[in-house]
């Protein structure tokens, strides 16, 4: 089984078993209002250091807070490499990164189509 098929199978299992811890709920796509550009730079630098140290979740939260799309895209890439497609899609969506989100949408559509055909 190739990696794409494994990823699709994992997504299918997660959806059918409802094993997605946070669900697929949009957190926000607007950065916190009132942060100055200097504050955003400081927070993004801190989040980049956290990301590079492997503290992905805390970095993700800061990137969402500041609306830093490049950081969110890197978080999405991280999750995609870990075969966590829904988490990756969530990060790409918040980053407004349609190019990287599209293959995941297509994979989800295939899974849903397969599930519907099995009914």
PDB file of N, CA and C in Angstrom:
ATOM      1  N   UNK A   1       0.856  -1.173   0.000  1.00  0.00           N
ATOM      2  CA  UNK A   1       0.000   0.000   0.000  1.00  0.00           C
ATOM      3  C   UNK A   1       0.903   1.238   0.000  1.00  0.00           C
ATOM      4  N   UNK A   2       0.695   2.136  -0.966  1.00  0.00           N
ATOM      5  CA  UNK A   2       1.542   3.322  -1.031  1.00  0.00           C
ATOM      6  C   UNK A   2       1.138   4.326   0.049  1.00  0.00           C
ATOM      7  N   UNK A   3       1.958   5.377   0.221  1.00  0.00           N
ATOM      8  CA  UNK A   3       1.721   6.331   1.307  1.00  0.00           C
ATOM      9  C   UNK A   3       0.420   7.103   1.135  1.00  0.00           C
ATOM     10  N   UNK A   4       0.036   7.382  -0.115  1.00  0.00           N
ATOM     11  CA  UNK A   4      -1.234   8.091  -0.332  1.00  0.00           C
ATOM     12  C   UNK A   4      -2.400   7.222   0.117  1.00  0.00           C
ATOM     13  N   UNK A   5      -2.336   5.947  -0.231  1.00  0.00           N
ATOM     14  CA  UNK A   5      -3.416   5.042   0.166  1.00  0.00           C
ATOM     15  C   UNK A   5      -3.445   4.886   1.687  1.00  0.00           C
ATOM     16  N   UNK A   6      -2.259   4.844   2.321  1.00  0.00           N
ATOM     17  CA  UNK A   6      -2.203   4.743   3.775  1.00  0.00           C
ATOM     18  C   UNK A   6      -2.814   5.991   4.415  1.00  0.00           C
ATOM     19  N   UNK A   7      -2.496   7.164   3.872  1.00  0.00           N
ATOM     20  CA  UNK A   7      -3.039   8.413   4.408  1.00  0.00           C
ATOM     21  C   UNK A   7      -4.548   8.447   4.251  1.00  0.00           C
ATOM     22  N   UNK A   8      -5.035   8.019   3.087  1.00  0.00           N
ATOM     23  CA  UNK A   8      -6.482   7.986   2.864  1.00  0.00           C
ATOM     24  C   UNK A   8      -7.150   7.018   3.823  1.00  0.00           C
ATOM     25  N   UNK A   9      -6.526   5.875   4.050  1.00  0.00           N
ATOM     26  CA  UNK A   9      -7.087   4.887   4.969  1.00  0.00           C
ATOM     27  C   UNK A   9      -7.124   5.434   6.395  1.00  0.00           C
ATOM     28  N   UNK A  10      -6.064   6.137   6.783  1.00  0.00           N
ATOM     29  CA  UNK A  10      -6.015   6.725   8.117  1.00  0.00           C
ATOM     30  C   UNK A  10      -7.107   7.777   8.284  1.00  0.00           C
ATOM     31  N   UNK A  11      -7.291   8.637   7.268  1.00  0.00           N
ATOM     32  CA  UNK A  11      -8.358   9.635   7.325  1.00  0.00           C
ATOM     33  C   UNK A  11      -9.727   8.971   7.393  1.00  0.00           C
ATOM     34  N   UNK A  12      -9.903   7.929   6.589  1.00  0.00           N
ATOM     35  CA  UNK A  12     -11.174   7.203   6.572  1.00  0.00           C
ATOM     36  C   UNK A  12     -11.463   6.628   7.954  1.00  0.00           C
ATOM     37  N   UNK A  13     -10.461   6.019   8.571  1.00  0.00           N
ATOM     38  CA  UNK A  13     -10.645   5.448   9.903  1.00  0.00           C
ATOM     39  C   UNK A  13     -10.936   6.517  10.940  1.00  0.00           C
ATOM     40  N   UNK A  14     -10.219   7.640  10.858  1.00  0.00           N
ATOM     41  CA  UNK A  14     -10.441   8.725  11.816  1.00  0.00           C
ATOM     42  C   UNK A  14     -11.850   9.275  11.698  1.00  0.00           C
ATOM     43  N   UNK A  15     -12.327   9.430  10.461  1.00  0.00           N
ATOM     44  CA  UNK A  15     -13.678   9.936  10.260  1.00  0.00           C
ATOM     45  C   UNK A  15     -14.728   8.941  10.737  1.00  0.00           C
ATOM     46  N   UNK A  16     -14.537   7.677  10.388  1.00  0.00           N
ATOM     47  CA  UNK A  16     -15.553   6.691  10.733  1.00  0.00           C
ATOM     48  C   UNK A  16     -15.560   6.361  12.222  1.00  0.00           C
ATOM     49  N   UNK A  17     -14.408   6.477  12.881  1.00  0.00           N
ATOM     50  CA  UNK A  17     -14.326   6.170  14.309  1.00  0.00           C
ATOM     51  C   UNK A  17     -14.429   7.409  15.186  1.00  0.00           C
ATOM     52  N   UNK A  18     -14.547   8.573  14.564  1.00  0.00           N
ATOM     53  CA  UNK A  18     -14.636   9.848  15.277  1.00  0.00           C
ATOM     54  C   UNK A  18     -13.487  10.011  16.262  1.00  0.00           C
ATOM     55  N   UNK A  19     -12.284   9.701  15.792  1.00  0.00           N
ATOM     56  CA  UNK A  19     -11.102   9.761  16.641  1.00  0.00           C
ATOM     57  C   UNK A  19     -10.328  11.068  16.472  1.00  0.00           C
ATOM     58  N   UNK A  20     -10.950  12.075  15.982  1.00  0.00           N
ATOM     59  CA  UNK A  20     -10.277  13.349  15.777  1.00  0.00           C
ATOM     60  C   UNK A  20     -10.504  14.169  17.043  1.00  0.00           C
ATOM     61  N   UNK A  21      -9.443  14.413  17.839  1.00  0.00           N
ATOM     62  CA  UNK A  21      -9.625  14.979  19.165  1.00  0.00           C
ATOM     63  C   UNK A  21     -10.322  16.339  19.200  1.00  0.00           C
ATOM     64  N   UNK A  22      -9.928  17.274  18.363  1.00  0.00           N
ATOM     65  CA  UNK A  22     -10.524  18.596  18.386  1.00  0.00           C
ATOM     66  C   UNK A  22     -11.660  18.725  17.396  1.00  0.00           C
ATOM     67  N   UNK A  23     -11.946  17.675  16.668  1.00  0.00           N
ATOM     68  CA  UNK A  23     -12.910  17.778  15.583  1.00  0.00           C
ATOM     69  C   UNK A  23     -12.314  18.640  14.491  1.00  0.00           C
ATOM     70  N   UNK A  24     -13.128  19.016  13.567  1.00  0.00           N
ATOM     71  CA  UNK A  24     -12.638  19.907  12.514  1.00  0.00           C
ATOM     72  C   UNK A  24     -13.418  21.203  12.632  1.00  0.00           C
ATOM     73  N   UNK A  25     -13.091  21.927  13.670  1.00  0.00           N
ATOM     74  CA  UNK A  25     -13.763  23.186  13.945  1.00  0.00           C
ATOM     75  C   UNK A  25     -12.795  24.310  13.647  1.00  0.00           C
ATOM     76  N   UNK A  26     -13.272  25.261  12.878  1.00  0.00           N
ATOM     77  CA  UNK A  26     -12.453  26.419  12.549  1.00  0.00           C
ATOM     78  C   UNK A  26     -12.192  27.194  13.833  1.00  0.00           C
ATOM     79  N   UNK A  27     -10.925  27.444  14.119  1.00  0.00           N
ATOM     80  CA  UNK A  27     -10.573  28.194  15.313  1.00  0.00           C
ATOM     81  C   UNK A  27     -10.769  29.679  15.038  1.00  0.00           C
ATOM     82  N   UNK A  28     -10.082  30.190  14.048  1.00  0.00           N
ATOM     83  CA  UNK A  28     -10.220  31.579  13.635  1.00  0.00           C
ATOM     84  C   UNK A  28      -9.434  31.759  12.351  1.00  0.00           C
ATOM     85  N   UNK A  29      -9.799  32.721  11.582  1.00  0.00           N
ATOM     86  CA  UNK A  29      -8.936  33.041  10.446  1.00  0.00           C
ATOM     87  C   UNK A  29      -8.568  34.514  10.475  1.00  0.00           C
ATOM     88  N   UNK A  30      -8.851  35.153  11.599  1.00  0.00           N
ATOM     89  CA  UNK A  30      -8.469  36.547  11.778  1.00  0.00           C
ATOM     90  C   UNK A  30      -7.504  36.654  12.946  1.00  0.00           C
ATOM     91  N   UNK A  31      -6.380  37.322  12.751  1.00  0.00           N
ATOM     92  CA  UNK A  31      -5.455  37.495  13.866  1.00  0.00           C
ATOM     93  C   UNK A  31      -6.082  38.365  14.954  1.00  0.00           C
ATOM     94  N   UNK A  32      -5.528  38.267  16.143  1.00  0.00           N
ATOM     95  CA  UNK A  32      -6.004  39.080  17.251  1.00  0.00           C
ATOM     96  C   UNK A  32      -5.809  40.549  16.904  1.00  0.00           C
ATOM     97  N   UNK A  33      -6.849  41.314  17.091  1.00  0.00           N
ATOM     98  CA  UNK A  33      -6.772  42.747  16.824  1.00  0.00           C
ATOM     99  C   UNK A  33      -6.018  43.423  17.960  1.00  0.00           C
ATOM    100  N   UNK A  34      -5.355  44.496  17.652  1.00  0.00           N
ATOM    101  CA  UNK A  34      -4.677  45.267  18.681  1.00  0.00           C
ATOM    102  C   UNK A  34      -3.203  44.944  18.843  1.00  0.00           C
ATOM    103  N   UNK A  35      -2.711  43.921  18.150  1.00  0.00           N
ATOM    104  CA  UNK A  35      -1.278  43.647  18.206  1.00  0.00           C
ATOM    105  C   UNK A  35      -0.569  44.581  17.238  1.00  0.00           C
ATOM    106  N   UNK A  36       0.493  45.196  17.720  1.00  0.00           N
ATOM    107  CA  UNK A  36       1.282  46.037  16.826  1.00  0.00           C
ATOM    108  C   UNK A  36       2.142  45.145  15.944  1.00  0.00           C
ATOM    109  N   UNK A  37       2.663  45.703  14.876  1.00  0.00           N
ATOM    110  CA  UNK A  37       3.531  44.905  14.003  1.00  0.00           C
ATOM    111  C   UNK A  37       4.783  44.453  14.753  1.00  0.00           C
ATOM    112  N   UNK A  38       5.273  45.261  15.670  1.00  0.00           N
ATOM    113  CA  UNK A  38       6.438  44.867  16.468  1.00  0.00           C
ATOM    114  C   UNK A  38       6.113  43.683  17.371  1.00  0.00           C
ATOM    115  N   UNK A  39       4.912  43.715  17.973  1.00  0.00           N
ATOM    116  CA  UNK A  39       4.498  42.595  18.820  1.00  0.00           C
ATOM    117  C   UNK A  39       4.344  41.322  18.002  1.00  0.00           C
ATOM    118  N   UNK A  40       3.792  41.444  16.811  1.00  0.00           N
ATOM    119  CA  UNK A  40       3.651  40.274  15.941  1.00  0.00           C
ATOM    120  C   UNK A  40       5.014  39.696  15.584  1.00  0.00           C
ATOM    121  N   UNK A  41       5.978  40.567  15.273  1.00  0.00           N
ATOM    122  CA  UNK A  41       7.329  40.093  14.927  1.00  0.00           C
ATOM    123  C   UNK A  41       7.930  39.327  16.095  1.00  0.00           C
ATOM    124  N   UNK A  42       7.808  39.874  17.286  1.00  0.00           N
ATOM    125  CA  UNK A  42       8.365  39.209  18.477  1.00  0.00           C
ATOM    126  C   UNK A  42       7.692  37.864  18.703  1.00  0.00           C
ATOM    127  N   UNK A  43       6.365  37.836  18.617  1.00  0.00           N
ATOM    128  CA  UNK A  43       5.640  36.582  18.813  1.00  0.00           C
ATOM    129  C   UNK A  43       5.980  35.555  17.733  1.00  0.00           C
ATOM    130  N   UNK A  44       6.069  36.013  16.485  1.00  0.00           N
ATOM    131  CA  UNK A  44       6.391  35.082  15.397  1.00  0.00           C
ATOM    132  C   UNK A  44       7.807  34.527  15.541  1.00  0.00           C
ATOM    133  N   UNK A  45       8.736  35.337  16.000  1.00  0.00           N
ATOM    134  CA  UNK A  45      10.104  34.832  16.242  1.00  0.00           C
ATOM    135  C   UNK A  45      10.094  33.779  17.333  1.00  0.00           C
ATOM    136  N   UNK A  46       9.336  34.050  18.386  1.00  0.00           N
ATOM    137  CA  UNK A  46       9.225  33.071  19.472  1.00  0.00           C
ATOM    138  C   UNK A  46       8.586  31.784  18.959  1.00  0.00           C
ATOM    139  N   UNK A  47       7.526  31.920  18.168  1.00  0.00           N
ATOM    140  CA  UNK A  47       6.859  30.740  17.623  1.00  0.00           C
ATOM    141  C   UNK A  47       7.769  29.970  16.675  1.00  0.00           C
ATOM    142  N   UNK A  48       8.557  30.678  15.881  1.00  0.00           N
ATOM    143  CA  UNK A  48       9.508  30.001  14.990  1.00  0.00           C
ATOM    144  C   UNK A  48      10.519  29.192  15.803  1.00  0.00           C
ATOM    145  N   UNK A  49      10.994  29.771  16.901  1.00  0.00           N
ATOM    146  CA  UNK A  49      11.944  29.047  17.763  1.00  0.00           C
ATOM    147  C   UNK A  49      11.269  27.817  18.373  1.00  0.00           C
ATOM    148  N   UNK A  50      10.010  27.973  18.799  1.00  0.00           N
ATOM    149  CA  UNK A  50       9.267  26.831  19.346  1.00  0.00           C
ATOM    150  C   UNK A  50       9.088  25.750  18.293  1.00  0.00           C
ATOM    151  N   UNK A  51       8.706  26.164  17.097  1.00  0.00           N
ATOM    152  CA  UNK A  51       8.505  25.205  16.007  1.00  0.00           C
ATOM    153  C   UNK A  51       9.795  24.435  15.738  1.00  0.00           C
ATOM    154  N   UNK A  52      10.906  25.164  15.635  1.00  0.00           N
ATOM    155  CA  UNK A  52      12.198  24.523  15.353  1.00  0.00           C
ATOM    156  C   UNK A  52      12.648  23.604  16.474  1.00  0.00           C
ATOM    157  N   UNK A  53      12.188  23.880  17.705  1.00  0.00           N
ATOM    158  CA  UNK A  53      12.515  23.025  18.848  1.00  0.00           C
ATOM    159  C   UNK A  53      11.551  21.844  18.973  1.00  0.00           C
ATOM    160  N   UNK A  54      10.551  21.791  18.095  1.00  0.00           N
ATOM    161  CA  UNK A  54       9.608  20.681  18.112  1.00  0.00           C
ATOM    162  C   UNK A  54       8.338  20.941  18.895  1.00  0.00           C
ATOM    163  N   UNK A  55       8.162  22.144  19.401  1.00  0.00           N
ATOM    164  CA  UNK A  55       6.958  22.496  20.144  1.00  0.00           C
ATOM    165  C   UNK A  55       5.924  23.040  19.160  1.00  0.00           C
ATOM    166  N   UNK A  56       5.380  22.160  18.375  1.00  0.00           N
ATOM    167  CA  UNK A  56       4.516  22.517  17.248  1.00  0.00           C
ATOM    168  C   UNK A  56       3.199  23.137  17.714  1.00  0.00           C
ATOM    169  N   UNK A  57       2.584  22.576  18.729  1.00  0.00           N
ATOM    170  CA  UNK A  57       1.278  23.059  19.169  1.00  0.00           C
ATOM    171  C   UNK A  57       1.324  24.488  19.684  1.00  0.00           C
ATOM    172  N   UNK A  58       2.318  24.807  20.504  1.00  0.00           N
ATOM    173  CA  UNK A  58       2.413  26.182  21.006  1.00  0.00           C
ATOM    174  C   UNK A  58       2.735  27.147  19.872  1.00  0.00           C
ATOM    175  N   UNK A  59       3.595  26.720  18.952  1.00  0.00           N
ATOM    176  CA  UNK A  59       3.900  27.561  17.789  1.00  0.00           C
ATOM    177  C   UNK A  59       2.641  27.786  16.967  1.00  0.00           C
ATOM    178  N   UNK A  60       1.857  26.745  16.770  1.00  0.00           N
ATOM    179  CA  UNK A  60       0.618  26.857  16.004  1.00  0.00           C
ATOM    180  C   UNK A  60      -0.317  27.890  16.627  1.00  0.00           C
ATOM    181  N   UNK A  61      -0.456  27.831  17.933  1.00  0.00           N
ATOM    182  CA  UNK A  61      -1.350  28.777  18.623  1.00  0.00           C
ATOM    183  C   UNK A  61      -0.897  30.227  18.413  1.00  0.00           C
ATOM    184  N   UNK A  62       0.394  30.442  18.481  1.00  0.00           N
ATOM    185  CA  UNK A  62       0.899  31.804  18.279  1.00  0.00           C
ATOM    186  C   UNK A  62       0.695  32.233  16.834  1.00  0.00           C
ATOM    187  N   UNK A  63       0.977  31.337  15.892  1.00  0.00           N
ATOM    188  CA  UNK A  63       0.786  31.683  14.480  1.00  0.00           C
ATOM    189  C   UNK A  63      -0.679  32.031  14.198  1.00  0.00           C
ATOM    190  N   UNK A  64      -1.602  31.333  14.837  1.00  0.00           N
ATOM    191  CA  UNK A  64      -3.021  31.656  14.672  1.00  0.00           C
ATOM    192  C   UNK A  64      -3.297  33.038  15.255  1.00  0.00           C
ATOM    193  N   UNK A  65      -2.745  33.292  16.431  1.00  0.00           N
ATOM    194  CA  UNK A  65      -2.960  34.579  17.097  1.00  0.00           C
ATOM    195  C   UNK A  65      -2.468  35.745  16.260  1.00  0.00           C
ATOM    196  N   UNK A  66      -1.298  35.563  15.633  1.00  0.00           N
ATOM    197  CA  UNK A  66      -0.722  36.658  14.853  1.00  0.00           C
ATOM    198  C   UNK A  66      -1.188  36.655  13.402  1.00  0.00           C
ATOM    199  N   UNK A  67      -1.802  35.553  12.973  1.00  0.00           N
ATOM    200  CA  UNK A  67      -2.236  35.447  11.585  1.00  0.00           C
ATOM    201  C   UNK A  67      -1.085  35.225  10.624  1.00  0.00           C
ATOM    202  N   UNK A  68      -0.012  34.601  11.092  1.00  0.00           N
ATOM    203  CA  UNK A  68       1.198  34.401  10.288  1.00  0.00           C
ATOM    204  C   UNK A  68       1.025  33.198   9.365  1.00  0.00           C
ATOM    205  N   UNK A  69       0.697  33.465   8.122  1.00  0.00           N
ATOM    206  CA  UNK A  69       0.351  32.395   7.186  1.00  0.00           C
ATOM    207  C   UNK A  69       1.536  31.492   6.849  1.00  0.00           C
ATOM    208  N   UNK A  70       2.736  32.035   6.760  1.00  0.00           N
ATOM    209  CA  UNK A  70       3.889  31.175   6.471  1.00  0.00           C
ATOM    210  C   UNK A  70       4.124  30.177   7.604  1.00  0.00           C
ATOM    211  N   UNK A  71       3.964  30.628   8.828  1.00  0.00           N
ATOM    212  CA  UNK A  71       4.115  29.724   9.967  1.00  0.00           C
ATOM    213  C   UNK A  71       3.034  28.662   9.972  1.00  0.00           C
ATOM    214  N   UNK A  72       1.802  29.057   9.690  1.00  0.00           N
ATOM    215  CA  UNK A  72       0.711  28.088   9.637  1.00  0.00           C
ATOM    216  C   UNK A  72       0.910  27.083   8.511  1.00  0.00           C
ATOM    217  N   UNK A  73       1.464  27.532   7.400  1.00  0.00           N
ATOM    218  CA  UNK A  73       1.758  26.613   6.296  1.00  0.00           C
ATOM    219  C   UNK A  73       2.810  25.599   6.719  1.00  0.00           C
ATOM    220  N   UNK A  74       3.835  26.053   7.444  1.00  0.00           N
ATOM    221  CA  UNK A  74       4.856  25.111   7.927  1.00  0.00           C
ATOM    222  C   UNK A  74       4.261  24.115   8.914  1.00  0.00           C
ATOM    223  N   UNK A  75       3.343  24.572   9.751  1.00  0.00           N
ATOM    224  CA  UNK A  75       2.647  23.670  10.667  1.00  0.00           C
ATOM    225  C   UNK A  75       1.844  22.649   9.860  1.00  0.00           C
ATOM    226  N   UNK A  76       1.151  23.117   8.830  1.00  0.00           N
ATOM    227  CA  UNK A  76       0.405  22.210   7.967  1.00  0.00           C
ATOM    228  C   UNK A  76       1.310  21.179   7.308  1.00  0.00           C
ATOM    229  N   UNK A  77       2.465  21.630   6.825  1.00  0.00           N
ATOM    230  CA  UNK A  77       3.434  20.708   6.216  1.00  0.00           C
ATOM    231  C   UNK A  77       3.896  19.661   7.224  1.00  0.00           C
ATOM    232  N   UNK A  78       4.135  20.105   8.455  1.00  0.00           N
ATOM    233  CA  UNK A  78       4.561  19.183   9.513  1.00  0.00           C
ATOM    234  C   UNK A  78       3.507  18.087   9.710  1.00  0.00           C
ATOM    235  N   UNK A  79       2.246  18.511   9.853  1.00  0.00           N
ATOM    236  CA  UNK A  79       1.185  17.534  10.071  1.00  0.00           C
ATOM    237  C   UNK A  79       0.986  16.630   8.859  1.00  0.00           C
ATOM    238  N   UNK A  80       1.119  17.179   7.677  1.00  0.00           N
ATOM    239  CA  UNK A  80       0.965  16.367   6.479  1.00  0.00           C
ATOM    240  C   UNK A  80       2.043  15.289   6.426  1.00  0.00           C
ATOM    241  N   UNK A  81       3.263  15.644   6.802  1.00  0.00           N
ATOM    242  CA  UNK A  81       4.354  14.670   6.839  1.00  0.00           C
ATOM    243  C   UNK A  81       4.142  13.607   7.909  1.00  0.00           C
ATOM    244  N   UNK A  82       3.354  13.930   8.919  1.00  0.00           N
ATOM    245  CA  UNK A  82       3.024  12.966   9.976  1.00  0.00           C
ATOM    246  C   UNK A  82       1.733  12.204   9.655  1.00  0.00           C
ATOM    247  N   UNK A  83       1.225  12.360   8.423  1.00  0.00           N
ATOM    248  CA  UNK A  83      -0.020  11.714   7.979  1.00  0.00           C
ATOM    249  C   UNK A  83      -1.215  12.108   8.839  1.00  0.00           C
ATOM    250  N   UNK A  84      -1.242  13.360   9.264  1.00  0.00           N
ATOM    251  CA  UNK A  84      -2.378  13.900  10.003  1.00  0.00           C
ATOM    252  C   UNK A  84      -3.053  14.934   9.110  1.00  0.00           C
ATOM    253  N   UNK A  85      -3.766  14.414   8.124  1.00  0.00           N
ATOM    254  CA  UNK A  85      -4.327  15.246   7.076  1.00  0.00           C
ATOM    255  C   UNK A  85      -5.314  16.294   7.543  1.00  0.00           C
ATOM    256  N   UNK A  86      -6.158  15.960   8.507  1.00  0.00           N
ATOM    257  CA  UNK A  86      -7.145  16.943   8.958  1.00  0.00           C
ATOM    258  C   UNK A  86      -6.489  18.099   9.702  1.00  0.00           C
ATOM    259  N   UNK A  87      -5.486  17.798  10.514  1.00  0.00           N
ATOM    260  CA  UNK A  87      -4.758  18.870  11.190  1.00  0.00           C
ATOM    261  C   UNK A  87      -4.023  19.733  10.165  1.00  0.00           C
ATOM    262  N   UNK A  88      -3.458  19.094   9.161  1.00  0.00           N
ATOM    263  CA  UNK A  88      -2.774  19.837   8.102  1.00  0.00           C
ATOM    264  C   UNK A  88      -3.755  20.732   7.366  1.00  0.00           C
ATOM    265  N   UNK A  89      -4.914  20.189   7.032  1.00  0.00           N
ATOM    266  CA  UNK A  89      -5.928  20.964   6.320  1.00  0.00           C
ATOM    267  C   UNK A  89      -6.362  22.173   7.138  1.00  0.00           C
ATOM    268  N   UNK A  90      -6.537  21.979   8.428  1.00  0.00           N
ATOM    269  CA  UNK A  90      -6.932  23.072   9.309  1.00  0.00           C
ATOM    270  C   UNK A  90      -5.891  24.196   9.276  1.00  0.00           C
ATOM    271  N   UNK A  91      -4.613  23.833   9.349  1.00  0.00           N
ATOM    272  CA  UNK A  91      -3.547  24.837   9.317  1.00  0.00           C
ATOM    273  C   UNK A  91      -3.505  25.533   7.961  1.00  0.00           C
ATOM    274  N   UNK A  92      -3.615  24.763   6.882  1.00  0.00           N
ATOM    275  CA  UNK A  92      -3.607  25.368   5.539  1.00  0.00           C
ATOM    276  C   UNK A  92      -4.803  26.298   5.353  1.00  0.00           C
ATOM    277  N   UNK A  93      -5.943  25.883   5.862  1.00  0.00           N
ATOM    278  CA  UNK A  93      -7.148  26.707   5.737  1.00  0.00           C
ATOM    279  C   UNK A  93      -6.951  28.044   6.454  1.00  0.00           C
ATOM    280  N   UNK A  94      -6.438  27.985   7.669  1.00  0.00           N
ATOM    281  CA  UNK A  94      -6.211  29.211   8.428  1.00  0.00           C
ATOM    282  C   UNK A  94      -5.141  30.088   7.791  1.00  0.00           C
ATOM    283  N   UNK A  95      -4.225  29.468   7.049  1.00  0.00           N
ATOM    284  CA  UNK A  95      -3.175  30.219   6.348  1.00  0.00           C
ATOM    285  C   UNK A  95      -3.661  30.745   5.005  1.00  0.00           C
ATOM    286  N   UNK A  96      -4.898  30.413   4.638  1.00  0.00           N
ATOM    287  CA  UNK A  96      -5.452  30.773   3.324  1.00  0.00           C
ATOM    288  C   UNK A  96      -4.590  30.186   2.202  1.00  0.00           C
ATOM    289  N   UNK A  97      -4.099  28.970   2.423  1.00  0.00           N
ATOM    290  CA  UNK A  97      -3.208  28.298   1.486  1.00  0.00           C
ATOM    291  C   UNK A  97      -4.021  27.268   0.695  1.00  0.00           C
ATOM    292  N   UNK A  98      -4.665  27.739  -0.354  1.00  0.00           N
ATOM    293  CA  UNK A  98      -5.528  26.874  -1.162  1.00  0.00           C
ATOM    294  C   UNK A  98      -4.732  25.827  -1.926  1.00  0.00           C
ATOM    295  N   UNK A  99      -3.540  26.181  -2.366  1.00  0.00           N
ATOM    296  CA  UNK A  99      -2.729  25.250  -3.157  1.00  0.00           C
ATOM    297  C   UNK A  99      -2.429  23.963  -2.385  1.00  0.00           C
ATOM    298  N   UNK A 100      -2.036  24.090  -1.116  1.00  0.00           N
ATOM    299  CA  UNK A 100      -1.704  22.900  -0.337  1.00  0.00           C
ATOM    300  C   UNK A 100      -2.940  22.219   0.247  1.00  0.00           C
ATOM    301  N   UNK A 101      -4.028  22.969   0.417  1.00  0.00           N
ATOM    302  CA  UNK A 101      -5.253  22.386   0.956  1.00  0.00           C
ATOM    303  C   UNK A 101      -5.989  21.547  -0.080  1.00  0.00           C
ATOM    304  N   UNK A 102      -5.885  21.920  -1.343  1.00  0.00           N
ATOM    305  CA  UNK A 102      -6.659  21.266  -2.402  1.00  0.00           C
ATOM    306  C   UNK A 102      -6.451  19.748  -2.474  1.00  0.00           C
ATOM    307  N   UNK A 103      -5.216  19.239  -2.425  1.00  0.00           N
ATOM    308  CA  UNK A 103      -5.057  17.773  -2.476  1.00  0.00           C
ATOM    309  C   UNK A 103      -5.727  17.061  -1.295  1.00  0.00           C
ATOM    310  N   UNK A 104      -5.765  17.716  -0.142  1.00  0.00           N
ATOM    311  CA  UNK A 104      -6.416  17.104   1.013  1.00  0.00           C
ATOM    312  C   UNK A 104      -7.926  17.091   0.810  1.00  0.00           C
ATOM    313  N   UNK A 105      -8.467  18.184   0.269  1.00  0.00           N
ATOM    314  CA  UNK A 105      -9.898  18.206  -0.059  1.00  0.00           C
ATOM    315  C   UNK A 105     -10.239  17.069  -1.017  1.00  0.00           C
ATOM    316  N   UNK A 106      -9.390  16.882  -2.029  1.00  0.00           N
ATOM    317  CA  UNK A 106      -9.641  15.814  -3.001  1.00  0.00           C
ATOM    318  C   UNK A 106      -9.600  14.447  -2.335  1.00  0.00           C
ATOM    319  N   UNK A 107      -8.646  14.250  -1.442  1.00  0.00           N
ATOM    320  CA  UNK A 107      -8.550  12.979  -0.729  1.00  0.00           C
ATOM    321  C   UNK A 107      -9.778  12.742   0.140  1.00  0.00           C
ATOM    322  N   UNK A 108     -10.228  13.785   0.835  1.00  0.00           N
ATOM    323  CA  UNK A 108     -11.430  13.659   1.656  1.00  0.00           C
ATOM    324  C   UNK A 108     -12.655  13.352   0.806  1.00  0.00           C
ATOM    325  N   UNK A 109     -12.738  13.999  -0.350  1.00  0.00           N
ATOM    326  CA  UNK A 109     -13.863  13.742  -1.252  1.00  0.00           C
ATOM    327  C   UNK A 109     -13.868  12.287  -1.710  1.00  0.00           C
ATOM    328  N   UNK A 110     -12.683  11.741  -1.988  1.00  0.00           N
ATOM    329  CA  UNK A 110     -12.593  10.338  -2.390  1.00  0.00           C
ATOM    330  C   UNK A 110     -13.042   9.421  -1.259  1.00  0.00           C
ATOM    331  N   UNK A 111     -12.612   9.744  -0.043  1.00  0.00           N
ATOM    332  CA  UNK A 111     -12.989   8.916   1.116  1.00  0.00           C
ATOM    333  C   UNK A 111     -14.492   8.957   1.316  1.00  0.00           C
ATOM    334  N   UNK A 112     -15.065  10.152   1.271  1.00  0.00           N
ATOM    335  CA  UNK A 112     -16.506  10.277   1.463  1.00  0.00           C
ATOM    336  C   UNK A 112     -17.258   9.554   0.356  1.00  0.00           C
ATOM    337  N   UNK A 113     -16.773   9.671  -0.863  1.00  0.00           N
ATOM    338  CA  UNK A 113     -17.403   8.971  -1.972  1.00  0.00           C
ATOM    339  C   UNK A 113     -17.369   7.464  -1.763  1.00  0.00           C
ATOM    340  N   UNK A 114     -16.253   6.969  -1.293  1.00  0.00           N
ATOM    341  CA  UNK A 114     -16.107   5.529  -1.017  1.00  0.00           C
ATOM    342  C   UNK A 114     -17.057   5.099   0.092  1.00  0.00           C
ATOM    343  N   UNK A 115     -17.143   5.917   1.129  1.00  0.00           N
ATOM    344  CA  UNK A 115     -18.043   5.591   2.243  1.00  0.00           C
ATOM    345  C   UNK A 115     -19.493   5.561   1.777  1.00  0.00           C
ATOM    346  N   UNK A 116     -19.862   6.518   0.922  1.00  0.00           N
ATOM    347  CA  UNK A 116     -21.225   6.565   0.420  1.00  0.00           C
ATOM    348  C   UNK A 116     -21.539   5.368  -0.473  1.00  0.00           C
ATOM    349  N   UNK A 117     -20.549   4.913  -1.234  1.00  0.00           N
ATOM    350  CA  UNK A 117     -20.749   3.769  -2.122  1.00  0.00           C
ATOM    351  C   UNK A 117     -20.922   2.489  -1.321  1.00  0.00           C
ATOM    352  N   UNK A 118     -20.332   2.438  -0.124  1.00  0.00           N
ATOM    353  CA  UNK A 118     -20.439   1.239   0.708  1.00  0.00           C
ATOM    354  C   UNK A 118     -21.802   1.129   1.372  1.00  0.00           C
ATOM    355  N   UNK A 119     -22.538   2.202   1.418  1.00  0.00           N
ATOM    356  CA  UNK A 119     -23.842   2.217   2.088  1.00  0.00           C
ATOM    357  C   UNK A 119     -24.876   1.452   1.323  1.00  0.00           C
TER     358      UNK A 119
END
